[in-house]
Amino acid sequence: MINNSNLCLNRKSAPGLPLADFIKLASELGIKHVELRNDLGKEPDNKNILDGMSISDFNDLLQKYDVQVEDINSLGNTDLLSQKDSNLNDLDEMITIAQGIGTQKILFCPVMDKHDDRSDSQKFNEGVKTIKEFAKRLQDKGMSGLFETLGFPESSIRTPFRAIDIIEEAGATNFKVVADLFHWFMGGVTRNDLDNKLDVNKVGLIHMSTIEIQMPKSKLTDQNRVLLNDPNHDNINAFDTIKWFSNSKFDGLFSFEPFSDELRKWDYETAKKNLIKSINLIKNI
């Protein structure tokens, strides 16, 4: 059953709002969990995670509105061994911020590069080596990781099953995968896979969005991802997948994560109105 206690807001659900307004919005919507991001600027930068606020001021904001941070998005190129050292430096920065604001999770994403000429076995083996290091760094701090596969053809790890295999081979017991409904659709995950292949205990978070535009799958991008708004215009079966997870033993959060830059145009009241509609739909799924 989905209710306010297991809902979450990713900053992409209202990307045009300053962080202080975003936290206030979550509180007014009755949502106690949020996801922060380092990529709301032109390029990913950990300085953007708190919008330039000090950790102390941000903690005051969380206390004022009774909201907590579920995770910080994201460390990219996770499975690229040649970037391991710089990724570890970025991870250390994210861990410092996370510990300062009371969150225990960092989200990771794979390589997205159409020129990546590594073989499938190289991608797998490099993923095992890097995840093993990241998991240890997190575990030493009492933290855990979330791995979000990207379903695009140029992604190095397209399905949750590949990610789970990497996590298990790495012995990363403090890692789970993210069920991003758009990326699972793009990666070819089917209802049959959910019924017969997926262990929900390996899933740590749901990212919810949908595609309403009629367009060939090969042409879809993150910019087409919108809030869940109308089950009759849900072209990736997001509502059905959410219902499946709701009826399963999944015990994590359902997070709103549309991605279209059109949402940057929303002011506070517009974001609130649209999110209320989406929240009500999800609760009655």
Protein backbone atom coordinates (compact mmCIF):
# COMPACT_ATOMS: atom_id res chain seq x y z
CA MET A 1 0.00 0.00 0.00
CA ILE A 2 1.31 3.42 -0.96
CA ASN A 3 0.84 6.33 1.43
CA ASN A 4 2.74 9.42 2.54
CA SER A 5 5.09 7.38 4.68
CA ASN A 6 6.64 5.56 1.70
CA LEU A 7 6.58 8.39 -0.84
CA CYS A 8 9.63 10.46 -1.72
CA LEU A 9 10.39 13.55 -3.82
CA ASN A 10 13.45 13.68 -6.07
CA ARG A 11 14.58 17.24 -6.81
CA LYS A 12 13.82 16.56 -10.47
CA SER A 13 10.13 16.71 -9.55
CA ALA A 14 10.44 20.48 -9.05
CA PRO A 15 13.86 21.36 -10.47
CA GLY A 16 13.17 25.07 -10.83
CA LEU A 17 12.66 25.64 -7.12
CA PRO A 18 15.45 26.67 -4.75
CA LEU A 19 16.34 23.92 -2.30
CA ALA A 20 14.69 25.69 0.63
CA ASP A 21 11.40 25.92 -1.28
CA PHE A 22 11.72 22.30 -2.39
CA ILE A 23 12.02 21.11 1.23
CA LYS A 24 9.05 23.27 2.19
CA LEU A 25 7.07 21.82 -0.72
CA ALA A 26 7.76 18.25 0.38
CA SER A 27 6.56 19.11 3.87
CA GLU A 28 3.38 20.76 2.64
CA LEU A 29 2.66 17.69 0.51
CA GLY A 30 3.04 15.51 3.60
CA ILE A 31 6.14 13.79 2.22
CA LYS A 32 8.96 13.18 4.69
CA HIS A 33 11.65 11.87 2.32
CA VAL A 34 13.57 13.65 -0.44
CA GLU A 35 16.41 12.89 -2.83
CA LEU A 36 19.08 15.50 -3.43
CA ARG A 37 21.13 15.85 -6.63
CA ASN A 38 24.49 17.14 -7.77
CA ASP A 39 23.45 17.64 -11.41
CA LEU A 40 20.93 20.45 -11.46
CA GLY A 41 23.58 22.76 -12.89
CA LYS A 42 25.15 22.47 -16.33
CA GLU A 43 27.52 19.73 -15.15
CA PRO A 44 27.47 17.42 -12.11
CA ASP A 45 29.15 19.19 -9.21
CA ASN A 46 28.92 18.24 -5.55
CA LYS A 47 28.86 21.93 -4.67
CA ASN A 48 25.31 21.99 -6.08
CA ILE A 49 23.96 19.35 -3.70
CA LEU A 50 22.95 21.90 -1.04
CA ASP A 51 22.48 24.89 -3.37
CA GLY A 52 25.41 26.60 -1.69
CA MET A 53 23.87 26.31 1.79
CA SER A 54 26.00 25.29 4.74
CA ILE A 55 25.36 21.89 6.26
CA SER A 56 24.26 23.60 9.47
CA ASP A 57 21.71 25.82 7.71
CA PHE A 58 20.41 22.88 5.70
CA ASN A 59 19.97 20.78 8.82
CA ASP A 60 17.99 23.63 10.37
CA LEU A 61 15.76 23.52 7.28
CA LEU A 62 15.24 19.76 7.59
CA GLN A 63 14.37 20.12 11.26
CA LYS A 64 11.98 23.00 10.60
CA TYR A 65 9.99 21.02 8.05
CA ASP A 66 10.47 17.54 9.53
CA VAL A 67 11.98 16.13 6.32
CA GLN A 68 14.89 13.73 5.86
CA VAL A 69 17.17 13.00 2.93
CA GLU A 70 16.90 9.48 1.51
CA ASP A 71 19.94 9.65 -0.76
CA ILE A 72 22.19 11.84 -2.88
CA ASN A 73 22.15 11.41 -6.70
CA SER A 74 24.59 10.56 -8.23
CA LEU A 75 28.04 9.24 -8.96
CA GLY A 76 28.33 8.50 -12.69
CA ASN A 77 30.64 6.27 -14.72
CA THR A 78 30.52 3.85 -11.81
CA ASP A 79 31.85 0.88 -13.76
CA LEU A 80 34.75 2.69 -15.49
CA LEU A 81 37.90 1.37 -13.87
CA SER A 82 40.10 4.09 -15.37
CA GLN A 83 38.02 6.68 -13.48
CA LYS A 84 38.00 4.82 -10.18
CA ASP A 85 40.35 7.14 -8.30
CA SER A 86 38.57 10.35 -9.30
CA ASN A 87 35.24 8.68 -8.55
CA LEU A 88 36.50 7.74 -5.10
CA ASN A 89 37.44 11.38 -4.50
CA ASP A 90 33.94 12.47 -5.59
CA LEU A 91 32.42 9.76 -3.42
CA ASP A 92 34.38 10.98 -0.39
CA GLU A 93 32.95 14.47 -0.93
CA MET A 94 29.44 13.05 -1.19
CA ILE A 95 29.93 10.91 1.91
CA THR A 96 31.06 13.96 3.90
CA ILE A 97 27.93 15.86 2.90
CA ALA A 98 25.69 12.83 3.44
CA GLN A 99 27.01 12.22 6.94
CA GLY A 100 26.62 15.88 7.75
CA ILE A 101 22.94 15.89 6.80
CA GLY A 102 22.04 12.47 8.19
CA THR A 103 21.61 10.43 5.03
CA GLN A 104 23.00 6.94 4.61
CA LYS A 105 22.80 6.34 0.85
CA ILE A 106 24.57 7.41 -2.34
CA LEU A 107 23.16 6.64 -5.78
CA PHE A 108 25.41 5.38 -8.59
CA CYS A 109 24.95 5.26 -12.39
CA PRO A 110 26.86 3.40 -15.13
CA VAL A 111 28.78 4.71 -18.13
CA MET A 112 26.73 6.43 -20.83
CA ASP A 113 29.00 6.68 -23.87
CA LYS A 114 28.26 5.51 -27.41
CA HIS A 115 32.04 5.37 -27.98
CA ASP A 116 32.60 2.96 -25.08
CA ASP A 117 34.32 0.08 -26.90
CA ARG A 118 34.78 -2.22 -23.94
CA SER A 119 33.43 -5.75 -24.33
CA ASP A 120 30.50 -6.93 -22.20
CA SER A 121 32.88 -8.99 -20.07
CA GLN A 122 35.16 -5.97 -19.58
CA LYS A 123 32.22 -3.84 -18.49
CA PHE A 124 31.13 -6.55 -16.07
CA ASN A 125 34.58 -7.13 -14.61
CA GLU A 126 35.32 -3.42 -14.24
CA GLY A 127 31.93 -2.97 -12.61
CA VAL A 128 32.74 -5.70 -10.09
CA LYS A 129 36.09 -4.12 -9.24
CA THR A 130 34.75 -0.59 -8.83
CA ILE A 131 31.57 -1.53 -6.95
CA LYS A 132 33.69 -3.58 -4.54
CA GLU A 133 35.77 -0.49 -3.74
CA PHE A 134 32.78 1.85 -3.48
CA ALA A 135 30.92 -0.61 -1.26
CA LYS A 136 33.87 -0.88 1.12
CA ARG A 137 34.26 2.91 1.30
CA LEU A 138 30.56 3.24 2.13
CA GLN A 139 30.54 0.35 4.57
CA ASP A 140 33.43 1.86 6.50
CA LYS A 141 31.14 4.84 7.11
CA GLY A 142 28.05 2.78 7.90
CA MET A 143 26.46 3.70 4.57
CA SER A 144 25.00 1.93 1.55
CA GLY A 145 24.71 2.33 -2.21
CA LEU A 146 21.92 2.36 -4.76
CA PHE A 147 22.73 1.35 -8.33
CA GLU A 148 20.50 2.81 -11.04
CA THR A 149 20.85 1.10 -14.40
CA LEU A 150 20.25 3.20 -17.51
CA GLY A 151 18.27 1.54 -20.28
CA PHE A 152 19.62 3.46 -23.27
CA PRO A 153 21.58 1.47 -25.90
CA GLU A 154 24.76 3.43 -25.11
CA SER A 155 24.58 2.51 -21.42
CA SER A 156 27.14 0.00 -20.17
CA ILE A 157 24.68 -1.62 -17.72
CA ARG A 158 21.13 -1.59 -19.06
CA THR A 159 19.17 -3.99 -16.85
CA PRO A 160 18.77 -4.52 -13.11
CA PHE A 161 19.64 -8.19 -13.50
CA ARG A 162 23.07 -7.34 -14.88
CA ALA A 163 23.57 -4.88 -12.03
CA ILE A 164 22.49 -7.45 -9.43
CA ASP A 165 24.96 -9.95 -10.87
CA ILE A 166 27.74 -7.35 -10.59
CA ILE A 167 26.76 -6.45 -7.03
CA GLU A 168 26.68 -10.10 -5.98
CA GLU A 169 29.99 -10.90 -7.68
CA ALA A 170 31.51 -7.92 -5.86
CA GLY A 171 30.12 -9.14 -2.54
CA ALA A 172 28.60 -5.67 -2.06
CA THR A 173 25.97 -6.57 0.50
CA ASN A 174 25.30 -2.88 1.18
CA PHE A 175 24.17 -2.23 -2.41
CA LYS A 176 20.71 -2.53 -3.96
CA VAL A 177 19.35 -1.54 -7.37
CA VAL A 178 16.97 1.29 -8.22
CA ALA A 179 13.82 0.41 -10.13
CA ASP A 180 13.65 3.39 -12.48
CA LEU A 181 10.45 2.70 -14.41
CA PHE A 182 11.56 4.59 -17.51
CA HIS A 183 14.98 2.98 -17.68
CA TRP A 184 13.62 -0.49 -16.99
CA PHE A 185 11.23 0.03 -19.91
CA MET A 186 14.10 1.22 -22.11
CA GLY A 187 16.20 -1.75 -21.00
CA GLY A 188 13.48 -4.22 -21.95
CA VAL A 189 12.38 -5.34 -18.48
CA THR A 190 8.98 -7.03 -18.82
CA ARG A 191 6.13 -8.00 -16.53
CA ASN A 192 7.25 -11.61 -16.96
CA ASP A 193 10.67 -10.57 -15.63
CA LEU A 194 9.03 -9.06 -12.57
CA ASP A 195 6.95 -12.16 -11.93
CA ASN A 196 9.63 -14.77 -12.54
CA LYS A 197 13.07 -13.19 -12.33
CA LEU A 198 13.15 -10.24 -9.93
CA ASP A 199 13.95 -10.57 -6.24
CA VAL A 200 12.38 -7.43 -4.72
CA ASN A 201 14.75 -7.73 -1.77
CA LYS A 202 17.46 -6.56 -4.18
CA VAL A 203 15.54 -3.33 -4.95
CA GLY A 204 16.13 -0.34 -2.70
CA LEU A 205 14.14 2.46 -4.34
CA ILE A 206 11.53 3.10 -7.05
CA HIS A 207 11.93 6.05 -9.44
CA MET A 208 8.54 6.97 -10.88
CA SER A 209 7.87 8.78 -14.13
CA THR A 210 6.07 8.02 -17.37
CA ILE A 211 6.03 8.78 -21.09
CA GLU A 212 2.83 10.33 -22.45
CA ILE A 213 4.05 11.27 -25.93
CA GLN A 214 3.58 8.78 -28.76
CA MET A 215 7.09 8.22 -30.10
CA PRO A 216 9.25 5.26 -31.22
CA LYS A 217 11.14 3.78 -28.29
CA SER A 218 14.45 4.41 -30.05
CA LYS A 219 13.73 8.15 -30.07
CA LEU A 220 12.83 8.53 -26.40
CA THR A 221 15.11 10.48 -24.07
CA ASP A 222 15.05 11.62 -20.45
CA GLN A 223 13.45 14.84 -21.69
CA ASN A 224 10.25 12.91 -22.45
CA ARG A 225 9.84 11.78 -18.85
CA VAL A 226 6.94 13.46 -17.03
CA LEU A 227 4.99 13.10 -13.80
CA LEU A 228 2.42 10.33 -13.64
CA ASN A 229 -0.70 12.19 -14.65
CA ASP A 230 -3.17 9.98 -16.53
CA PRO A 231 -3.26 6.16 -16.60
CA ASN A 232 -4.76 6.36 -20.08
CA HIS A 233 -1.63 8.08 -21.38
CA ASP A 234 0.94 5.94 -19.63
CA ASN A 235 2.95 4.49 -22.48
CA ILE A 236 5.47 2.56 -20.38
CA ASN A 237 3.01 0.74 -18.08
CA ALA A 238 4.35 2.69 -15.11
CA PHE A 239 1.07 2.49 -13.18
CA ASP A 240 0.95 -1.29 -13.57
CA THR A 241 4.57 -1.64 -12.45
CA ILE A 242 3.99 0.58 -9.41
CA LYS A 243 0.95 -1.52 -8.50
CA TRP A 244 3.04 -4.68 -8.88
CA PHE A 245 5.66 -3.34 -6.46
CA SER A 246 2.96 -2.09 -4.09
CA ASN A 247 1.51 -5.61 -3.94
CA SER A 248 4.92 -7.22 -3.52
CA LYS A 249 7.20 -7.48 -0.47
CA PHE A 250 9.10 -4.35 -1.56
CA ASP A 251 9.60 -2.19 1.53
CA GLY A 252 11.40 0.87 0.14
CA LEU A 253 10.29 4.27 -1.06
CA PHE A 254 8.39 5.30 -4.18
CA SER A 255 10.08 8.46 -5.44
CA PHE A 256 8.77 10.95 -8.00
CA GLU A 257 11.51 11.48 -10.60
CA PRO A 258 10.33 13.00 -13.87
CA PHE A 259 13.16 14.46 -15.91
CA SER A 260 11.84 16.91 -18.48
CA ASP A 261 13.36 20.38 -18.35
CA GLU A 262 9.85 21.71 -18.93
CA LEU A 263 9.35 21.24 -15.20
CA ARG A 264 11.94 23.96 -14.57
CA LYS A 265 9.27 26.44 -15.65
CA TRP A 266 6.99 25.47 -12.77
CA ASP A 267 6.69 27.92 -9.92
CA TYR A 268 5.92 26.75 -6.40
CA GLU A 269 2.12 26.62 -6.75
CA THR A 270 2.22 24.93 -10.16
CA ALA A 271 4.59 22.26 -8.88
CA LYS A 272 2.43 21.74 -5.81
CA LYS A 273 -0.77 21.41 -7.83
CA ASN A 274 0.71 18.91 -10.28
CA LEU A 275 2.35 16.84 -7.57
CA ILE A 276 -0.87 16.68 -5.52
CA LYS A 277 -2.64 15.22 -8.55
CA SER A 278 0.10 12.67 -9.11
CA ILE A 279 0.27 11.74 -5.42
CA ASN A 280 -3.47 11.12 -5.30
CA LEU A 281 -3.29 8.89 -8.37
CA ILE A 282 -0.47 6.86 -6.87
CA LYS A 283 -2.22 6.43 -3.53
CA ASN A 284 -5.31 5.06 -5.27
CA ILE A 285 -3.47 2.75 -7.62
